Amino acid sequence: MSALTRRHLLKTAGCVSAASLLLPEWLHAAQKPSQNARRKPNIIFILADDLGLDGVGCYGADRVKTPHIDALARSGTRFESCYATPLCGPSRAQLLTGRYPFRTGMTSNGTGQVLSPANEIMAPRILKSAGYVSASVGKWNQLPLEPGDWGFDEYFRFQGSGVYWAGKGKSTYTVNGHVNGQTRPIPAARYVPDMMHDFVVDFITRHQDQPFYVHYPLSHVHGKIVRTPDSAPGSRDLYADNIAYMDKLVGQLVAALDRLKLRENTLIIFTGDNGTAQRPAQRSSVAGKTLSGAKHSMLEGGSRVPLIVKWKGKTPAGKICRDLTDFSDFLPTFAELAGAKLPAAVTIDGRSFAPQIQGQSGQPREWVYVELMGFRYVTTKRWKLNNSSELFDMSQAPFEERLVPQNTLDPQAVAARTRLQAVLDDLVGKNAPTPTGTMAKKGGKKGQGRRNRMGRPGRQGRRRRAMANP
């Protein structure tokens, strides 16, 4: 690292410790910022791994504290009804392409190879046409090729999920990082999330004079859950430790933007790629209640995730937006904010919520669509219909999903079934492929109907998940 670069980082990125500034040379690219690019809002998209509503304090999480993320919500806007795909790979493909799984073919973690730059366009290439420089920093393994093949100018990725340590036997994955087309060993005993953070701060520091887009998929809090650098010896709640460290990294990134005087022109988005993963030692709740379902389920807890947006001076402070959003909406939102054109010959399923980010009414969705392995549903704020023709009353969501009898005479339920069936038919057709794998149909708590219907994977589904989602 040159002396000039070191002085620049010390001056502008004080949140990074002196030790972490001793970064390997491969973490620094040589690309120079353009001084002539017309200024547009920077976009930093922070994507937590396996983080549902019960993992963020401002959503009522009982077990964990997230003061820095909560601060973003207090000074920005918190969305109450954001839906991802219930599994990480399809969720990431949907947000980057703006297209539902049945269109891209990425309907599970093991189907990423169907994606190709020849038939799909991802966000960085669209934003590049509007003058943006972009970086992808973190998890990429379910998606094919390298981030650079999809338009990212710079990237740091690694193989696997839940990668935290290298050189100490804490990771079951390769300890190589892939940086801008080159494979480099991750230094022994380095905490990988710290390296990711350093890469992001270095990138935005070097590109502070031009609009940038950062796709920042975190390691936290995918299992295996292990100690963090801040974990006390013998800590009995490593999950809470990991949530706290993730929250600290968010706070450090915000502090770096403040020091670089970029907050007023930077949109920060924080969300999760799917619901919380159920683990024996983790019994998280929201305001004393357990969510219906978890990661990999077609229940509310599988897809409903936190979404917090903050654009200083643009986003209303402390606002709660209850409009429906899903992961296909991010790409058109970014394009609208950047002044970029969406591809004309491609069906984009998303709807921009750029107006809502800025406190305006916009054109809210009437429904959102969720799909995994051929199981699918359409949901509104009140009703949910799946492709097994089961209608659910969602008035108590995200904690209960009440199965409505097929022979109900309730006019609202009858009308909802007709309306949502028409949506499903219009989207994927009546002859859509049948679901793959098996889903358990065990009963749930009293009053919730068959609570786990199309929820937890059966034995075959668990084997498939183990192979596709390390």
Protein backbone atom coordinates (compact mmCIF):
# COMPACT_ATOMS: atom_id res chain seq x y z
CA MET A 1 0.00 0.00 0.00
CA SER A 2 1.41 3.41 -0.92
CA ALA A 3 2.03 6.06 1.70
CA LEU A 4 -0.50 8.33 -0.03
CA THR A 5 -3.22 5.69 0.12
CA ARG A 6 -2.47 4.99 3.78
CA ARG A 7 -2.68 8.70 4.70
CA HIS A 8 -5.91 9.05 2.73
CA LEU A 9 -7.52 6.14 4.56
CA LEU A 10 -6.33 7.35 7.95
CA LYS A 11 -7.84 10.75 7.26
CA THR A 12 -11.18 9.67 5.84
CA ALA A 13 -11.97 6.27 7.30
CA GLY A 14 -11.21 6.65 10.98
CA CYS A 15 -13.74 3.98 11.94
CA VAL A 16 -11.29 1.35 10.73
CA SER A 17 -8.80 0.29 13.38
CA ALA A 18 -5.11 0.82 12.83
CA ALA A 19 -4.59 -2.94 12.65
CA SER A 20 -7.24 -3.39 9.97
CA LEU A 21 -5.61 -0.74 7.80
CA LEU A 22 -2.79 -3.21 7.17
CA LEU A 23 -4.80 -4.69 4.33
CA PRO A 24 -3.30 -6.97 1.70
CA GLU A 25 -2.46 -5.21 -1.54
CA TRP A 26 -5.09 -7.24 -3.38
CA LEU A 27 -7.85 -5.44 -1.49
CA HIS A 28 -7.07 -2.24 -3.39
CA ALA A 29 -7.95 -1.72 -7.03
CA ALA A 30 -6.27 0.83 -9.25
CA GLN A 31 -9.38 2.29 -10.83
CA LYS A 32 -9.50 6.07 -10.54
CA PRO A 33 -12.73 8.00 -10.08
CA SER A 34 -14.10 10.10 -12.86
CA GLN A 35 -14.22 13.78 -12.00
CA ASN A 36 -16.80 14.53 -14.69
CA ALA A 37 -19.63 12.20 -13.70
CA ARG A 38 -22.89 14.00 -12.97
CA ARG A 39 -23.73 13.60 -9.28
CA LYS A 40 -26.52 11.18 -8.51
CA PRO A 41 -27.44 9.46 -5.24
CA ASN A 42 -25.04 6.78 -4.07
CA ILE A 43 -26.71 3.47 -3.19
CA ILE A 44 -25.46 1.12 -0.49
CA PHE A 45 -27.51 -2.08 -0.27
CA ILE A 46 -26.76 -4.04 2.93
CA LEU A 47 -28.12 -7.59 2.77
CA ALA A 48 -28.05 -9.58 6.00
CA ASP A 49 -28.10 -13.39 5.72
CA ASP A 50 -30.91 -15.36 7.39
CA LEU A 51 -32.29 -12.35 9.25
CA GLY A 52 -36.01 -12.08 9.85
CA LEU A 53 -38.08 -9.58 11.80
CA ASP A 54 -37.05 -11.24 15.06
CA GLY A 55 -33.43 -10.22 14.49
CA VAL A 56 -33.85 -6.43 14.59
CA GLY A 57 -34.68 -4.41 17.67
CA CYS A 58 -36.93 -1.82 16.07
CA TYR A 59 -39.22 -4.58 14.78
CA GLY A 60 -39.80 -5.72 18.36
CA ALA A 61 -37.13 -8.42 18.66
CA ASP A 62 -37.06 -9.71 22.23
CA ARG A 63 -33.71 -11.45 22.27
CA VAL A 64 -31.27 -9.12 20.50
CA LYS A 65 -30.31 -5.45 20.47
CA THR A 66 -29.45 -3.51 17.31
CA PRO A 67 -28.90 0.12 18.33
CA HIS A 68 -27.17 1.25 15.11
CA ILE A 69 -29.75 -0.31 12.81
CA ASP A 70 -32.52 1.07 15.02
CA ALA A 71 -30.95 4.52 14.70
CA LEU A 72 -31.24 4.24 10.91
CA ALA A 73 -34.92 3.44 11.33
CA ARG A 74 -35.50 6.37 13.70
CA SER A 75 -33.89 8.78 11.27
CA GLY A 76 -35.28 7.05 8.18
CA THR A 77 -38.22 4.90 7.12
CA ARG A 78 -39.05 1.38 8.29
CA PHE A 79 -41.05 -0.82 5.94
CA GLU A 80 -43.37 -3.28 7.66
CA SER A 81 -44.29 -5.62 4.79
CA CYS A 82 -41.26 -6.52 2.70
CA TYR A 83 -41.13 -10.02 1.21
CA ALA A 84 -38.08 -11.94 0.02
CA THR A 85 -37.87 -15.44 -1.41
CA PRO A 86 -37.59 -17.92 1.51
CA LEU A 87 -34.09 -19.04 0.45
CA CYS A 88 -30.94 -17.04 -0.18
CA GLY A 89 -30.02 -17.88 -3.79
CA PRO A 90 -33.38 -17.21 -5.47
CA SER A 91 -33.82 -14.16 -3.26
CA ARG A 92 -30.56 -12.63 -4.48
CA ALA A 93 -31.32 -13.41 -8.12
CA GLN A 94 -34.72 -11.74 -7.76
CA LEU A 95 -33.39 -8.53 -6.22
CA LEU A 96 -30.57 -8.18 -8.76
CA THR A 97 -32.73 -8.86 -11.84
CA GLY A 98 -36.10 -7.50 -10.71
CA ARG A 99 -37.67 -10.74 -11.97
CA TYR A 100 -39.55 -13.57 -10.29
CA PRO A 101 -38.00 -17.06 -10.06
CA PHE A 102 -40.24 -18.65 -12.69
CA ARG A 103 -38.91 -16.14 -15.22
CA THR A 104 -35.19 -16.52 -14.47
CA GLY A 105 -35.36 -20.24 -13.70
CA MET A 106 -33.59 -19.79 -10.37
CA THR A 107 -36.24 -21.39 -8.21
CA SER A 108 -33.91 -22.90 -5.59
CA ASN A 109 -30.30 -22.67 -4.49
CA GLY A 110 -29.22 -25.42 -6.86
CA THR A 111 -30.52 -23.76 -10.04
CA GLY A 112 -28.24 -20.74 -10.30
CA GLN A 113 -26.46 -22.17 -13.34
CA VAL A 114 -29.49 -21.27 -15.48
CA LEU A 115 -28.67 -17.59 -15.10
CA SER A 116 -26.52 -16.09 -17.82
CA PRO A 117 -25.61 -12.52 -18.85
CA ALA A 118 -26.93 -13.51 -22.26
CA ASN A 119 -30.49 -13.76 -20.94
CA GLU A 120 -30.53 -11.75 -17.70
CA ILE A 121 -29.43 -8.21 -16.84
CA MET A 122 -28.46 -7.36 -13.29
CA ALA A 123 -28.57 -4.02 -11.48
CA PRO A 124 -24.91 -2.96 -11.90
CA ARG A 125 -25.09 -3.05 -15.69
CA ILE A 126 -28.27 -0.98 -15.69
CA LEU A 127 -26.77 1.57 -13.29
CA LYS A 128 -23.53 1.70 -15.28
CA SER A 129 -25.50 3.22 -18.14
CA ALA A 130 -26.33 6.10 -15.77
CA GLY A 131 -22.70 6.70 -14.84
CA TYR A 132 -22.41 4.52 -11.73
CA VAL A 133 -19.37 2.59 -10.56
CA SER A 134 -20.24 -0.53 -8.59
CA ALA A 135 -18.87 -3.11 -6.19
CA SER A 136 -20.10 -6.42 -4.80
CA VAL A 137 -18.64 -7.31 -1.42
CA GLY A 138 -19.45 -10.60 0.30
CA LYS A 139 -21.42 -13.76 -0.39
CA TRP A 140 -21.94 -14.73 -4.03
CA ASN A 141 -21.68 -18.52 -4.19
CA GLN A 142 -25.27 -19.37 -5.19
CA LEU A 143 -25.03 -17.11 -8.23
CA PRO A 144 -23.02 -18.16 -11.29
CA LEU A 145 -19.81 -16.75 -12.74
CA GLU A 146 -18.06 -13.82 -11.10
CA PRO A 147 -19.68 -10.52 -10.06
CA GLY A 148 -17.56 -8.85 -12.74
CA ASP A 149 -19.32 -10.91 -15.41
CA TRP A 150 -22.58 -9.23 -14.37
CA GLY A 151 -21.28 -5.68 -14.52
CA PHE A 152 -19.69 -5.05 -11.12
CA ASP A 153 -16.51 -3.00 -11.53
CA GLU A 154 -14.89 -4.37 -8.38
CA TYR A 155 -15.64 -7.25 -6.07
CA PHE A 156 -14.49 -9.30 -3.12
CA ARG A 157 -16.26 -12.62 -2.74
CA PHE A 158 -15.64 -15.99 -1.14
CA GLN A 159 -17.04 -19.49 -1.43
CA GLY A 160 -19.73 -20.53 1.01
CA SER A 161 -22.22 -19.07 3.46
CA GLY A 162 -21.52 -18.05 7.02
CA VAL A 163 -17.83 -17.47 6.36
CA TYR A 164 -16.33 -15.68 9.37
CA TRP A 165 -12.80 -16.85 10.06
CA ALA A 166 -9.87 -18.21 8.06
CA GLY A 167 -6.89 -20.09 9.41
CA LYS A 168 -8.41 -21.13 12.73
CA GLY A 169 -10.54 -24.08 11.73
CA LYS A 170 -13.70 -21.99 12.04
CA SER A 171 -14.69 -22.19 8.40
CA THR A 172 -15.52 -25.34 6.47
CA TYR A 173 -15.10 -23.49 3.19
CA THR A 174 -12.22 -22.43 1.06
CA VAL A 175 -10.12 -19.70 2.64
CA ASN A 176 -9.54 -18.01 -0.68
CA GLY A 177 -10.99 -14.67 -1.59
CA HIS A 178 -11.84 -13.80 -5.17
CA VAL A 179 -10.95 -10.19 -5.88
CA ASN A 180 -11.46 -8.54 -9.24
CA GLY A 181 -10.74 -11.74 -11.16
CA GLN A 182 -7.87 -12.99 -9.01
CA THR A 183 -7.89 -15.68 -6.33
CA ARG A 184 -6.02 -14.74 -3.16
CA PRO A 185 -5.71 -16.49 0.20
CA ILE A 186 -7.55 -14.83 3.05
CA PRO A 187 -4.98 -14.03 5.76
CA ALA A 188 -4.94 -16.42 8.68
CA ALA A 189 -6.89 -15.35 11.77
CA ARG A 190 -8.56 -12.42 10.00
CA TYR A 191 -12.26 -11.93 10.67
CA VAL A 192 -13.78 -11.98 7.19
CA PRO A 193 -16.64 -9.52 7.97
CA ASP A 194 -13.98 -6.97 8.98
CA MET A 195 -12.21 -7.49 5.67
CA MET A 196 -15.49 -6.98 3.83
CA HIS A 197 -16.10 -3.75 5.74
CA ASP A 198 -12.58 -2.50 4.95
CA PHE A 199 -13.13 -3.23 1.25
CA VAL A 200 -16.38 -1.26 1.23
CA VAL A 201 -14.86 1.74 3.01
CA ASP A 202 -11.86 1.69 0.68
CA PHE A 203 -14.16 1.52 -2.37
CA ILE A 204 -16.40 4.42 -1.36
CA THR A 205 -13.35 6.47 -0.34
CA ARG A 206 -11.75 6.08 -3.76
CA HIS A 207 -15.04 6.69 -5.59
CA GLN A 208 -16.48 9.44 -3.45
CA ASP A 209 -16.44 11.87 -6.39
CA GLN A 210 -18.74 9.78 -8.58
CA PRO A 211 -22.04 7.99 -8.01
CA PHE A 212 -21.53 4.48 -6.68
CA TYR A 213 -23.59 1.38 -6.02
CA VAL A 214 -22.45 -1.10 -3.39
CA HIS A 215 -24.03 -4.55 -3.16
CA TYR A 216 -23.02 -5.67 0.34
CA PRO A 217 -24.21 -9.22 1.21
CA LEU A 218 -23.04 -9.91 4.76
CA SER A 219 -21.86 -13.16 6.34
CA HIS A 220 -24.02 -12.44 9.39
CA VAL A 221 -25.99 -14.28 10.61
CA HIS A 222 -25.82 -17.47 8.56
CA GLY A 223 -24.73 -20.58 10.46
CA LYS A 224 -22.48 -22.04 11.64
CA ILE A 225 -22.69 -19.42 14.37
CA VAL A 226 -19.24 -18.96 15.92
CA ARG A 227 -17.55 -16.41 18.15
CA THR A 228 -16.91 -12.85 17.00
CA PRO A 229 -13.86 -10.72 17.88
CA ASP A 230 -16.08 -9.11 20.54
CA SER A 231 -17.41 -12.33 22.07
CA ALA A 232 -16.56 -12.70 25.72
CA PRO A 233 -14.70 -15.88 26.72
CA GLY A 234 -17.26 -18.62 27.20
CA SER A 235 -20.13 -16.55 25.80
CA ARG A 236 -23.38 -18.49 26.03
CA ASP A 237 -25.21 -16.56 23.33
CA LEU A 238 -23.05 -16.48 20.21
CA TYR A 239 -26.11 -15.69 18.09
CA ALA A 240 -26.68 -12.44 19.99
CA ASP A 241 -22.93 -11.76 19.71
CA ASN A 242 -23.16 -12.06 15.93
CA ILE A 243 -26.20 -9.80 15.71
CA ALA A 244 -24.35 -7.24 17.82
CA TYR A 245 -21.27 -7.40 15.59
CA MET A 246 -23.34 -7.03 12.45
CA ASP A 247 -25.00 -4.01 14.01
CA LYS A 248 -21.60 -2.55 14.91
CA LEU A 249 -20.42 -2.88 11.31
CA VAL A 250 -23.51 -1.01 10.10
CA GLY A 251 -22.71 1.76 12.59
CA GLN A 252 -19.10 1.91 11.42
CA LEU A 253 -20.17 2.21 7.80
CA VAL A 254 -22.54 5.06 8.62
CA ALA A 255 -19.74 6.77 10.54
CA ALA A 256 -17.43 6.42 7.51
CA LEU A 257 -20.06 8.05 5.29
CA ASP A 258 -20.32 10.90 7.78
CA ARG A 259 -16.56 11.45 7.78
CA LEU A 260 -16.50 11.46 3.99
CA LYS A 261 -19.46 13.90 4.00
CA LEU A 262 -21.46 11.53 1.82
CA ARG A 263 -24.55 10.98 3.97
CA GLU A 264 -26.67 13.64 2.26
CA ASN A 265 -26.15 11.97 -1.10
CA THR A 266 -26.22 8.31 -0.10
CA LEU A 267 -29.23 6.02 0.14
CA ILE A 268 -28.62 3.29 2.72
CA ILE A 269 -30.82 0.20 2.54
CA PHE A 270 -30.75 -2.55 5.14
CA THR A 271 -32.69 -5.80 4.69
CA GLY A 272 -32.45 -9.59 5.03
CA ASP A 273 -32.36 -12.19 2.27
CA ASN A 274 -34.97 -14.46 3.89
CA GLY A 275 -36.43 -15.25 7.28
CA THR A 276 -34.48 -16.35 10.31
CA ALA A 277 -33.09 -19.88 10.27
CA GLN A 278 -34.49 -22.03 13.06
CA ARG A 279 -31.81 -23.36 15.37
CA PRO A 280 -32.24 -25.39 18.57
CA ALA A 281 -30.55 -22.76 20.73
CA GLN A 282 -32.43 -19.89 19.18
CA ARG A 283 -36.00 -19.22 20.15
CA SER A 284 -36.41 -15.65 19.04
CA SER A 285 -39.68 -13.78 19.25
CA VAL A 286 -41.24 -10.42 18.45
CA ALA A 287 -43.05 -8.68 21.31
CA GLY A 288 -43.35 -12.01 23.06
CA LYS A 289 -44.81 -13.84 20.07
CA THR A 290 -43.22 -16.42 17.78
CA LEU A 291 -43.34 -15.79 14.05
CA SER A 292 -45.21 -18.19 11.81
CA GLY A 293 -42.52 -20.17 10.02
CA ALA A 294 -38.84 -19.55 9.32
CA LYS A 295 -36.28 -19.73 6.52
CA HIS A 296 -37.11 -22.23 3.76
CA SER A 297 -40.82 -22.22 4.63
CA MET A 298 -43.73 -20.82 2.65
CA LEU A 299 -45.07 -19.25 5.82
CA GLU A 300 -44.81 -15.60 6.80
CA GLY A 301 -41.59 -16.03 8.75
CA GLY A 302 -39.87 -17.52 5.72
CA SER A 303 -40.15 -14.42 3.56
CA ARG A 304 -41.12 -11.39 5.60
CA VAL A 305 -37.94 -9.49 6.33
CA PRO A 306 -36.86 -6.15 7.79
CA LEU A 307 -36.42 -3.25 5.37
CA ILE A 308 -35.00 0.06 6.53
CA VAL A 309 -34.10 2.94 4.22
CA LYS A 310 -32.26 6.14 5.05
CA TRP A 311 -31.37 8.97 2.70
CA LYS A 312 -30.45 11.98 4.77
CA GLY A 313 -32.59 14.98 3.89
CA LYS A 314 -34.83 12.91 1.61
CA THR A 315 -36.32 10.13 3.73
CA PRO A 316 -38.88 11.10 6.37
CA ALA A 317 -37.54 10.47 9.87
CA GLY A 318 -39.25 7.87 12.01
CA LYS A 319 -41.85 6.96 9.42
CA ILE A 320 -43.35 3.46 9.24
CA CYS A 321 -44.45 2.49 5.73
CA ARG A 322 -46.95 -0.34 5.55
CA ASP A 323 -47.01 -0.62 1.77
CA LEU A 324 -46.31 -4.06 0.36
CA THR A 325 -42.90 -4.53 -1.26
CA ASP A 326 -41.05 -7.55 -2.58
CA PHE A 327 -37.49 -8.19 -3.71
CA SER A 328 -38.26 -7.60 -7.38
CA ASP A 329 -38.90 -3.95 -6.48
CA PHE A 330 -35.29 -3.02 -5.69
CA LEU A 331 -34.00 -2.93 -9.27
CA PRO A 332 -36.67 -0.55 -10.67
CA THR A 333 -36.33 1.58 -7.53
CA PHE A 334 -32.58 1.94 -8.03
CA ALA A 335 -33.07 2.67 -11.73
CA GLU A 336 -35.59 5.44 -11.02
CA LEU A 337 -33.36 7.08 -8.42
CA ALA A 338 -30.35 6.86 -10.73
CA GLY A 339 -32.16 8.08 -13.82
CA ALA A 340 -31.35 4.81 -15.61
CA LYS A 341 -33.54 3.11 -18.21
CA LEU A 342 -34.84 -0.39 -17.62
CA PRO A 343 -34.21 -2.91 -20.43
CA ALA A 344 -37.00 -2.63 -22.96
CA ALA A 345 -37.17 -6.27 -24.06
CA VAL A 346 -37.22 -7.80 -20.59
CA THR A 347 -40.22 -8.30 -18.30
CA ILE A 348 -39.48 -6.57 -14.98
CA ASP A 349 -41.82 -7.73 -12.23
CA GLY A 350 -40.81 -5.09 -9.71
CA ARG A 351 -42.47 -1.78 -9.00
CA SER A 352 -40.40 1.21 -7.92
CA PHE A 353 -40.94 2.44 -4.38
CA ALA A 354 -38.64 5.42 -4.88
CA PRO A 355 -41.55 7.80 -4.06
CA GLN A 356 -42.16 6.09 -0.71
CA ILE A 357 -38.46 6.39 0.13
CA GLN A 358 -38.89 10.14 -0.24
CA GLY A 359 -42.11 10.34 1.76
CA GLN A 360 -44.51 10.38 -1.16
CA SER A 361 -47.49 8.12 -1.80
CA GLY A 362 -46.23 6.42 -4.94
CA GLN A 363 -48.20 3.52 -6.43
CA PRO A 364 -48.29 0.82 -3.75
CA ARG A 365 -48.63 -2.82 -4.67
CA GLU A 366 -51.92 -4.63 -4.11
CA TRP A 367 -50.15 -7.99 -3.70
CA VAL A 368 -46.74 -9.64 -3.58
CA TYR A 369 -45.65 -12.96 -5.06
CA VAL A 370 -43.41 -15.56 -3.40
CA GLU A 371 -42.04 -18.73 -4.97
CA LEU A 372 -39.68 -21.55 -3.98
CA MET A 373 -39.13 -24.93 -5.66
CA GLY A 374 -42.47 -24.71 -7.46
CA PHE A 375 -44.45 -23.78 -4.33
CA ARG A 376 -45.92 -20.32 -4.72
CA TYR A 377 -48.38 -17.90 -3.22
CA VAL A 378 -49.81 -14.43 -3.69
CA THR A 379 -50.54 -12.38 -0.60
CA THR A 380 -52.18 -9.10 0.27
CA LYS A 381 -52.25 -7.54 3.71
CA ARG A 382 -55.33 -9.60 4.57
CA TRP A 383 -55.39 -12.74 2.39
CA LYS A 384 -52.93 -15.31 1.04
CA LEU A 385 -53.62 -17.91 -1.66
CA ASN A 386 -51.15 -20.65 -2.57
CA ASN A 387 -50.96 -22.96 -5.57
CA SER A 388 -52.64 -25.74 -3.56
CA SER A 389 -55.77 -23.56 -3.59
CA GLU A 390 -55.47 -22.91 0.13
CA LEU A 391 -56.66 -19.49 1.26
CA PHE A 392 -55.38 -18.01 4.51
CA ASP A 393 -56.68 -15.17 6.62
CA MET A 394 -53.58 -13.06 7.36
CA SER A 395 -55.18 -10.58 9.75
CA GLN A 396 -52.96 -11.91 12.57
CA ALA A 397 -49.78 -12.13 10.49
CA PRO A 398 -46.88 -12.51 10.94
CA PHE A 399 -47.79 -14.66 13.94
CA GLU A 400 -50.80 -16.62 12.68
CA GLU A 401 -52.11 -17.74 9.29
CA ARG A 402 -55.65 -19.06 9.59
CA LEU A 403 -56.73 -21.55 6.96
CA VAL A 404 -60.10 -20.56 5.46
CA PRO A 405 -62.48 -23.49 4.78
CA GLN A 406 -62.94 -24.24 1.11
CA ASN A 407 -66.73 -24.02 1.50
CA THR A 408 -66.77 -20.69 3.32
CA LEU A 409 -69.62 -18.31 2.51
CA ASP A 410 -67.76 -15.26 3.76
CA PRO A 411 -68.12 -12.85 0.81
CA GLN A 412 -64.76 -11.20 1.51
CA ALA A 413 -62.96 -14.54 1.51
CA VAL A 414 -64.76 -15.70 -1.64
CA ALA A 415 -63.87 -12.48 -3.45
CA ALA A 416 -60.25 -12.69 -2.26
CA ARG A 417 -59.91 -16.25 -3.55
CA THR A 418 -61.23 -15.27 -6.96
CA ARG A 419 -59.03 -12.20 -7.20
CA LEU A 420 -55.80 -13.89 -6.05
CA GLN A 421 -56.37 -16.96 -8.22
CA ALA A 422 -56.61 -14.66 -11.22
CA VAL A 423 -53.26 -13.13 -10.24
CA LEU A 424 -51.60 -16.56 -9.98
CA ASP A 425 -53.08 -17.63 -13.30
CA ASP A 426 -51.93 -14.45 -14.99
CA LEU A 427 -48.41 -14.73 -13.61
CA VAL A 428 -47.50 -18.37 -14.14
CA GLY A 429 -50.50 -19.91 -15.88
CA LYS A 430 -52.71 -22.78 -14.89
CA ASN A 431 -50.22 -25.34 -16.21
CA ALA A 432 -47.25 -24.21 -14.14
CA PRO A 433 -44.64 -26.85 -13.18
CA THR A 434 -45.49 -28.90 -10.12
CA PRO A 435 -43.51 -28.35 -6.92
CA THR A 436 -40.23 -30.24 -6.41
CA GLY A 437 -39.31 -31.90 -3.13
CA THR A 438 -41.72 -32.49 -0.28
CA MET A 439 -43.08 -30.22 2.40
CA ALA A 440 -44.36 -31.33 5.77
CA LYS A 441 -48.07 -30.89 6.51
CA LYS A 442 -47.99 -31.11 10.27
CA GLY A 443 -50.55 -29.26 12.30
CA GLY A 444 -49.60 -26.16 14.23
CA LYS A 445 -50.89 -24.24 17.18
CA LYS A 446 -54.57 -24.14 17.90
CA GLY A 447 -56.37 -21.65 15.70
CA GLN A 448 -53.70 -21.61 13.00
CA GLY A 449 -55.04 -24.35 10.79
CA ARG A 450 -52.34 -26.52 9.23
CA ARG A 451 -49.70 -24.05 10.30
CA ASN A 452 -46.79 -25.84 8.63
CA ARG A 453 -48.53 -26.51 5.35
CA MET A 454 -45.86 -26.04 2.64
CA GLY A 455 -43.60 -25.02 5.47
CA ARG A 456 -40.66 -27.02 6.74
CA PRO A 457 -38.97 -29.30 4.18
CA GLY A 458 -39.50 -33.04 4.38
CA ARG A 459 -36.64 -35.51 4.36
CA GLN A 460 -36.02 -35.15 0.62
CA GLY A 461 -36.16 -31.37 0.87
CA ARG A 462 -33.65 -31.34 3.72
CA ARG A 463 -31.19 -33.38 1.67
CA ARG A 464 -31.61 -31.03 -1.27
CA ARG A 465 -31.10 -28.00 0.94
CA ALA A 466 -27.97 -29.47 2.45
CA MET A 467 -26.47 -29.88 -1.00
CA ALA A 468 -27.58 -26.52 -2.37
CA ASN A 469 -27.17 -24.31 0.70
CA PRO A 470 -23.88 -25.06 2.52
